[in-house]
Amino acid sequence: MLRATIGSRTDRDVLTQLERAKDDLNILIQHVGSFVDWWGDMNTSLANLEEILPRVKVDGTNPFRTLAVKERWVKVYNDYVAYKREVRYHRRVRHDVLTKPTFTDQ
């Protein structure tokens, strides 16, 4: 069935499909790279926080120190929430694009 569909297309149509697939794969590579970069940044942020927490006494006696640590954890939390929102968006929006058949019967 697939052979008959591909065979009925002109060489130009097939080449266009391959170029689109290449472009889609390049976009996917960029997104995967961004994903890896984001998790690398999060790993660095968390490692940094884990390193300084034992040295910081967050008991309210030093409001500046307490606020600084809280702000860093809030940033980690907000970044994670933004990441989850972005993934949820792409699952909804890109699902239709990713599940469409490349070749259709004519």
N, C-alpha and C. Protein backbone atom coordinates (compact mmCIF):
# COMPACT_ATOMS: atom_id res chain seq x y z
N MET A 1 0.83 -1.19 0.00
CA MET A 1 0.00 0.00 0.00
C MET A 1 0.87 1.25 0.00
N LEU A 2 1.87 1.28 0.86
CA LEU A 2 2.74 2.45 0.94
C LEU A 2 3.53 2.61 -0.35
N ARG A 3 3.99 1.49 -0.93
CA ARG A 3 4.74 1.56 -2.18
C ARG A 3 3.89 2.16 -3.30
N ALA A 4 2.64 1.77 -3.35
CA ALA A 4 1.76 2.29 -4.39
C ALA A 4 1.56 3.79 -4.20
N THR A 5 1.46 4.22 -2.96
CA THR A 5 1.28 5.65 -2.69
C THR A 5 2.53 6.42 -3.08
N ILE A 6 3.68 5.92 -2.67
CA ILE A 6 4.93 6.61 -3.01
C ILE A 6 5.16 6.57 -4.52
N GLY A 7 4.87 5.42 -5.15
CA GLY A 7 5.07 5.29 -6.59
C GLY A 7 4.18 6.24 -7.39
N SER A 8 3.06 6.61 -6.87
CA SER A 8 2.16 7.49 -7.61
C SER A 8 2.57 8.96 -7.48
N ARG A 9 3.46 9.26 -6.58
CA ARG A 9 3.92 10.65 -6.41
C ARG A 9 5.06 10.93 -7.38
N THR A 10 5.20 12.18 -7.74
CA THR A 10 6.32 12.56 -8.60
C THR A 10 7.58 12.62 -7.76
N ASP A 11 8.71 12.56 -8.43
CA ASP A 11 9.99 12.65 -7.72
C ASP A 11 10.08 13.96 -6.93
N ARG A 12 9.52 15.00 -7.49
CA ARG A 12 9.56 16.31 -6.81
C ARG A 12 8.78 16.28 -5.49
N ASP A 13 7.63 15.63 -5.50
CA ASP A 13 6.83 15.52 -4.27
C ASP A 13 7.57 14.73 -3.20
N VAL A 14 8.21 13.66 -3.62
CA VAL A 14 8.97 12.84 -2.67
C VAL A 14 10.13 13.64 -2.11
N LEU A 15 10.83 14.37 -2.96
CA LEU A 15 11.94 15.20 -2.50
C LEU A 15 11.46 16.26 -1.53
N THR A 16 10.33 16.86 -1.81
CA THR A 16 9.74 17.86 -0.89
C THR A 16 9.44 17.24 0.46
N GLN A 17 8.87 16.04 0.45
CA GLN A 17 8.58 15.34 1.70
C GLN A 17 9.85 15.06 2.49
N LEU A 18 10.90 14.63 1.80
CA LEU A 18 12.17 14.36 2.48
C LEU A 18 12.78 15.63 3.05
N GLU A 19 12.68 16.73 2.32
CA GLU A 19 13.21 18.01 2.82
C GLU A 19 12.43 18.46 4.05
N ARG A 20 11.12 18.28 4.03
CA ARG A 20 10.30 18.62 5.21
C ARG A 20 10.67 17.75 6.40
N ALA A 21 10.89 16.47 6.14
CA ALA A 21 11.28 15.56 7.22
C ALA A 21 12.63 15.99 7.79
N LYS A 22 13.55 16.38 6.93
CA LYS A 22 14.86 16.84 7.39
C LYS A 22 14.69 18.10 8.25
N ASP A 23 13.86 19.03 7.80
CA ASP A 23 13.61 20.25 8.57
C ASP A 23 12.99 19.93 9.93
N ASP A 24 12.02 19.01 9.94
CA ASP A 24 11.38 18.60 11.19
C ASP A 24 12.39 17.96 12.14
N LEU A 25 13.27 17.14 11.60
CA LEU A 25 14.29 16.51 12.44
C LEU A 25 15.26 17.56 13.00
N ASN A 26 15.60 18.56 12.21
CA ASN A 26 16.48 19.62 12.70
C ASN A 26 15.81 20.40 13.84
N ILE A 27 14.52 20.65 13.70
CA ILE A 27 13.78 21.34 14.77
C ILE A 27 13.75 20.45 16.02
N LEU A 28 13.53 19.16 15.83
CA LEU A 28 13.53 18.23 16.96
C LEU A 28 14.89 18.24 17.65
N ILE A 29 15.94 18.24 16.89
CA ILE A 29 17.30 18.27 17.46
C ILE A 29 17.49 19.54 18.29
N GLN A 30 17.01 20.67 17.79
CA GLN A 30 17.11 21.93 18.55
C GLN A 30 16.35 21.83 19.87
N HIS A 31 15.14 21.26 19.83
CA HIS A 31 14.33 21.13 21.04
C HIS A 31 14.98 20.17 22.04
N VAL A 32 15.52 19.08 21.54
CA VAL A 32 16.21 18.14 22.44
C VAL A 32 17.42 18.82 23.06
N GLY A 33 18.15 19.61 22.27
CA GLY A 33 19.29 20.35 22.80
C GLY A 33 18.87 21.33 23.88
N SER A 34 17.76 22.03 23.66
CA SER A 34 17.24 22.96 24.67
C SER A 34 16.84 22.21 25.93
N PHE A 35 16.22 21.05 25.75
CA PHE A 35 15.81 20.22 26.87
C PHE A 35 17.03 19.81 27.71
N VAL A 36 18.07 19.36 27.04
CA VAL A 36 19.30 18.95 27.72
C VAL A 36 19.93 20.14 28.44
N ASP A 37 19.99 21.29 27.76
CA ASP A 37 20.55 22.50 28.38
C ASP A 37 19.76 22.90 29.61
N TRP A 38 18.43 22.85 29.52
CA TRP A 38 17.59 23.26 30.65
C TRP A 38 17.86 22.36 31.85
N TRP A 39 17.87 21.04 31.63
CA TRP A 39 18.10 20.12 32.75
C TRP A 39 19.52 20.27 33.28
N GLY A 40 20.49 20.58 32.42
CA GLY A 40 21.85 20.84 32.89
C GLY A 40 21.89 22.05 33.80
N ASP A 41 21.19 23.12 33.39
CA ASP A 41 21.10 24.32 34.23
C ASP A 41 20.42 24.02 35.56
N MET A 42 19.34 23.24 35.51
CA MET A 42 18.64 22.90 36.75
C MET A 42 19.53 22.06 37.66
N ASN A 43 20.27 21.14 37.08
CA ASN A 43 21.17 20.31 37.87
C ASN A 43 22.24 21.17 38.56
N THR A 44 22.78 22.14 37.82
CA THR A 44 23.78 23.05 38.39
C THR A 44 23.17 23.88 39.51
N SER A 45 21.97 24.41 39.29
CA SER A 45 21.31 25.22 40.32
C SER A 45 21.05 24.42 41.58
N LEU A 46 20.54 23.21 41.42
CA LEU A 46 20.25 22.38 42.58
C LEU A 46 21.53 21.96 43.30
N ALA A 47 22.58 21.62 42.54
CA ALA A 47 23.84 21.25 43.17
C ALA A 47 24.41 22.42 43.97
N ASN A 48 24.29 23.62 43.41
CA ASN A 48 24.77 24.81 44.09
C ASN A 48 23.99 25.04 45.38
N LEU A 49 22.68 24.91 45.31
CA LEU A 49 21.86 25.08 46.51
C LEU A 49 22.19 24.02 47.56
N GLU A 50 22.36 22.78 47.12
CA GLU A 50 22.69 21.71 48.06
C GLU A 50 24.04 21.97 48.73
N GLU A 51 24.95 22.56 47.98
CA GLU A 51 26.29 22.84 48.53
C GLU A 51 26.25 23.94 49.59
N ILE A 52 25.46 25.00 49.34
CA ILE A 52 25.47 26.12 50.28
C ILE A 52 24.53 25.94 51.45
N LEU A 53 23.49 25.11 51.30
CA LEU A 53 22.52 24.97 52.39
C LEU A 53 23.12 24.54 53.72
N PRO A 54 24.03 23.57 53.75
CA PRO A 54 24.58 23.20 55.07
C PRO A 54 25.33 24.36 55.75
N ARG A 55 25.86 25.29 54.99
CA ARG A 55 26.60 26.41 55.56
C ARG A 55 25.70 27.58 55.94
N VAL A 56 24.47 27.58 55.42
CA VAL A 56 23.57 28.69 55.67
C VAL A 56 22.56 28.28 56.73
N LYS A 57 22.48 29.08 57.75
CA LYS A 57 21.51 28.82 58.81
C LYS A 57 20.26 29.64 58.48
N VAL A 58 19.24 28.96 58.00
CA VAL A 58 18.00 29.64 57.61
C VAL A 58 17.01 29.48 58.75
N ASP A 59 17.18 30.30 59.77
CA ASP A 59 16.31 30.21 60.93
C ASP A 59 15.60 31.52 61.23
N GLY A 60 15.73 32.46 60.32
CA GLY A 60 15.07 33.74 60.52
C GLY A 60 15.92 34.77 61.25
N THR A 61 17.10 34.35 61.76
CA THR A 61 17.94 35.31 62.48
C THR A 61 18.64 36.26 61.51
N ASN A 62 18.82 35.84 60.29
CA ASN A 62 19.44 36.70 59.28
C ASN A 62 18.45 36.79 58.11
N PRO A 63 17.60 37.82 58.11
CA PRO A 63 16.55 37.93 57.08
C PRO A 63 17.10 37.96 55.66
N PHE A 64 18.26 38.60 55.47
CA PHE A 64 18.82 38.68 54.12
C PHE A 64 19.19 37.29 53.62
N ARG A 65 19.85 36.52 54.44
CA ARG A 65 20.27 35.17 54.06
C ARG A 65 19.05 34.30 53.81
N THR A 66 18.08 34.37 54.69
CA THR A 66 16.85 33.60 54.54
C THR A 66 16.14 33.96 53.25
N LEU A 67 16.05 35.24 52.95
CA LEU A 67 15.39 35.70 51.73
C LEU A 67 16.15 35.24 50.48
N ALA A 68 17.48 35.32 50.53
CA ALA A 68 18.28 34.91 49.37
C ALA A 68 18.08 33.43 49.06
N VAL A 69 18.11 32.59 50.08
CA VAL A 69 17.91 31.15 49.86
C VAL A 69 16.49 30.89 49.35
N LYS A 70 15.52 31.55 49.96
CA LYS A 70 14.13 31.36 49.53
C LYS A 70 13.96 31.78 48.07
N GLU A 71 14.54 32.90 47.68
CA GLU A 71 14.42 33.38 46.29
C GLU A 71 15.02 32.38 45.31
N ARG A 72 16.13 31.76 45.68
CA ARG A 72 16.75 30.78 44.78
C ARG A 72 15.87 29.55 44.63
N TRP A 73 15.26 29.09 45.73
CA TRP A 73 14.37 27.94 45.63
C TRP A 73 13.10 28.29 44.87
N VAL A 74 12.62 29.49 45.05
CA VAL A 74 11.43 29.93 44.29
C VAL A 74 11.75 29.96 42.80
N LYS A 75 12.95 30.41 42.44
CA LYS A 75 13.35 30.43 41.03
C LYS A 75 13.40 29.00 40.46
N VAL A 76 13.98 28.08 41.21
CA VAL A 76 14.03 26.68 40.77
C VAL A 76 12.61 26.16 40.57
N TYR A 77 11.74 26.44 41.53
CA TYR A 77 10.34 26.01 41.43
C TYR A 77 9.67 26.62 40.21
N ASN A 78 9.81 27.92 40.03
CA ASN A 78 9.17 28.60 38.89
C ASN A 78 9.69 28.08 37.56
N ASP A 79 11.00 27.82 37.48
CA ASP A 79 11.57 27.27 36.25
C ASP A 79 10.99 25.89 35.96
N TYR A 80 10.83 25.10 37.00
CA TYR A 80 10.27 23.76 36.81
C TYR A 80 8.81 23.82 36.38
N VAL A 81 8.05 24.72 36.99
CA VAL A 81 6.64 24.89 36.61
C VAL A 81 6.55 25.35 35.15
N ALA A 82 7.40 26.28 34.75
CA ALA A 82 7.42 26.75 33.36
C ALA A 82 7.78 25.60 32.42
N TYR A 83 8.73 24.79 32.83
CA TYR A 83 9.12 23.63 32.02
C TYR A 83 7.95 22.67 31.84
N LYS A 84 7.24 22.35 32.94
CA LYS A 84 6.09 21.45 32.85
C LYS A 84 5.01 22.03 31.95
N ARG A 85 4.78 23.34 32.06
CA ARG A 85 3.78 24.00 31.23
C ARG A 85 4.16 23.89 29.75
N GLU A 86 5.43 24.10 29.45
CA GLU A 86 5.92 24.02 28.06
C GLU A 86 5.76 22.60 27.51
N VAL A 87 6.10 21.61 28.31
CA VAL A 87 5.95 20.22 27.88
C VAL A 87 4.48 19.89 27.63
N ARG A 88 3.63 20.32 28.53
CA ARG A 88 2.18 20.07 28.38
C ARG A 88 1.67 20.73 27.10
N TYR A 89 2.11 21.96 26.83
CA TYR A 89 1.70 22.67 25.62
C TYR A 89 2.13 21.89 24.37
N HIS A 90 3.38 21.47 24.35
CA HIS A 90 3.88 20.76 23.17
C HIS A 90 3.22 19.41 23.00
N ARG A 91 2.87 18.76 24.08
CA ARG A 91 2.15 17.49 23.96
C ARG A 91 0.80 17.70 23.31
N ARG A 92 0.11 18.79 23.71
CA ARG A 92 -1.21 19.07 23.14
C ARG A 92 -1.10 19.53 21.69
N VAL A 93 -0.29 20.52 21.44
CA VAL A 93 -0.22 21.15 20.12
C VAL A 93 0.51 20.28 19.11
N ARG A 94 1.64 19.74 19.51
CA ARG A 94 2.46 18.98 18.56
C ARG A 94 1.94 17.57 18.34
N HIS A 95 1.06 17.08 19.21
CA HIS A 95 0.54 15.73 19.06
C HIS A 95 -0.13 15.56 17.70
N ASP A 96 -0.94 16.53 17.30
CA ASP A 96 -1.63 16.45 16.01
C ASP A 96 -0.63 16.41 14.86
N VAL A 97 0.41 17.23 14.95
CA VAL A 97 1.40 17.28 13.88
C VAL A 97 2.18 15.97 13.82
N LEU A 98 2.55 15.45 14.96
CA LEU A 98 3.37 14.24 14.99
C LEU A 98 2.60 12.99 14.61
N THR A 99 1.28 13.00 14.75
CA THR A 99 0.51 11.80 14.45
C THR A 99 -0.10 11.81 13.05
N LYS A 100 0.05 12.91 12.31
CA LYS A 100 -0.47 12.95 10.94
C LYS A 100 0.39 12.06 10.06
N PRO A 101 -0.23 11.30 9.17
CA PRO A 101 0.56 10.47 8.24
C PRO A 101 1.33 11.34 7.26
N THR A 102 2.52 10.90 6.92
CA THR A 102 3.35 11.65 5.99
C THR A 102 2.83 11.54 4.56
N PHE A 103 2.46 10.33 4.18
CA PHE A 103 1.96 10.10 2.84
C PHE A 103 0.49 9.74 2.91
N THR A 104 -0.29 10.32 2.03
CA THR A 104 -1.72 10.02 2.02
C THR A 104 -2.10 9.38 0.69
N ASP A 105 -3.15 8.61 0.73
CA ASP A 105 -3.65 7.99 -0.50
C ASP A 105 -4.28 9.07 -1.37
N GLN A 106 -4.03 8.96 -2.64
CA GLN A 106 -4.62 9.93 -3.58
C GLN A 106 -5.55 9.24 -4.53
